Amino acid sequence: MFDDLLFPVTAMFTFRCDILRPHGAANIDPTITVNDMMACYPQSIGPLKALGIDTCCGGTDSLRVAANHAGVPLTVLLAAIDHAVITGRA
């Protein structure tokens, strides 16, 4: 009866889950938002939080901006994310 009123929710959200390329951290796009990183790679949540990255209100920040706000070198953040995603562990 109401089937015609249903809107596919997934069409409202588009995540770029090709953030990591085969060669690791040097290839993570630092302009990707924290939210997109967590959505595509849940393994990244642990390192993000451990490094003091704001995963709530700052989730719309790029990784570069978030690292800067947290006082973490971008290379350290990217390496931590890379390690977590590649190994499947934080």
Protein backbone atom coordinates (compact mmCIF):
# COMPACT_ATOMS: atom_id res chain seq x y z
CA MET A 1 0.00 0.00 0.00
CA PHE A 2 2.74 2.46 0.95
CA ASP A 3 5.49 0.89 -1.15
CA ASP A 4 5.39 3.77 -3.61
CA LEU A 5 6.20 6.19 -0.78
CA LEU A 6 9.41 4.47 0.23
CA PHE A 7 12.54 6.27 -0.79
CA PRO A 8 15.78 4.32 -0.92
CA VAL A 9 17.74 5.88 1.92
CA THR A 10 21.04 4.70 0.51
CA ALA A 11 20.52 7.01 -2.46
CA MET A 12 20.77 9.96 -0.08
CA PHE A 13 24.27 9.06 1.05
CA THR A 14 27.34 8.55 -1.06
CA PHE A 15 30.56 7.46 0.56
CA ARG A 16 33.87 7.37 -1.20
CA CYS A 17 35.07 3.99 -0.05
CA ASP A 18 38.02 3.99 -2.39
CA ILE A 19 39.91 6.18 0.07
CA LEU A 20 42.74 3.70 0.53
CA ARG A 21 44.63 2.61 -2.49
CA PRO A 22 46.78 -0.52 -2.54
CA HIS A 23 49.98 1.19 -1.52
CA GLY A 24 49.03 2.42 1.94
CA ALA A 25 49.10 5.61 3.96
CA ALA A 26 50.86 7.79 1.44
CA ASN A 27 47.86 7.24 -0.79
CA ILE A 28 45.10 8.16 1.67
CA ASP A 29 43.46 11.33 0.46
CA PRO A 30 43.85 13.82 3.35
CA THR A 31 40.88 15.81 2.04
CA ILE A 32 38.49 12.95 2.94
CA THR A 33 36.30 13.79 5.91
CA VAL A 34 36.63 12.03 9.23
CA ASN A 35 33.01 10.85 8.87
CA ASP A 36 33.66 9.28 5.47
CA MET A 37 36.79 7.56 6.76
CA MET A 38 34.90 6.05 9.70
CA ALA A 39 31.96 5.01 7.51
CA CYS A 40 34.14 3.31 4.92
CA TYR A 41 36.76 1.92 7.26
CA PRO A 42 35.38 1.31 10.79
CA GLN A 43 38.84 0.04 11.78
CA SER A 44 40.00 3.66 11.61
CA ILE A 45 37.82 4.72 14.56
CA GLY A 46 40.26 3.43 17.20
CA PRO A 47 43.31 5.27 15.88
CA LEU A 48 41.31 8.44 15.23
CA LYS A 49 40.10 8.52 18.83
CA ALA A 50 43.49 7.48 20.24
CA LEU A 51 45.14 10.40 18.48
CA GLY A 52 42.57 12.87 19.78
CA ILE A 53 40.74 13.38 16.50
CA ASP A 54 37.25 14.78 17.03
CA THR A 55 35.01 12.03 15.65
CA CYS A 56 31.78 13.74 16.63
CA CYS A 57 31.38 17.44 15.95
CA GLY A 58 34.59 17.49 13.93
CA GLY A 59 33.50 14.63 11.71
CA THR A 60 32.90 16.95 8.79
CA ASP A 61 36.52 18.12 8.89
CA SER A 62 39.02 16.67 6.45
CA LEU A 63 41.70 14.40 7.86
CA ARG A 64 44.21 17.21 7.27
CA VAL A 65 42.17 19.77 9.23
CA ALA A 66 41.32 17.28 11.99
CA ALA A 67 45.00 16.37 12.44
CA ASN A 68 45.91 20.04 12.62
CA HIS A 69 43.23 20.71 15.24
CA ALA A 70 44.44 17.76 17.32
CA GLY A 71 48.10 18.78 17.00
CA VAL A 72 48.97 15.50 15.33
CA PRO A 73 51.30 15.37 12.33
CA LEU A 74 49.28 14.33 9.29
CA THR A 75 51.81 11.62 8.44
CA VAL A 76 51.33 10.04 11.88
CA LEU A 77 47.54 10.06 11.50
CA LEU A 78 47.67 8.56 8.02
CA ALA A 79 50.13 5.86 9.11
CA ALA A 80 47.93 4.92 12.09
CA ILE A 81 44.85 4.67 9.88
CA ASP A 82 46.77 2.70 7.29
CA HIS A 83 48.01 0.22 9.88
CA ALA A 84 44.53 -0.28 11.36
CA VAL A 85 42.86 -0.78 8.00
CA ILE A 86 45.53 -3.03 6.48
CA THR A 87 45.87 -5.26 9.56
CA GLY A 88 42.23 -5.04 10.61
CA ARG A 89 43.35 -3.90 14.08
CA ALA A 90 43.60 -0.55 15.78
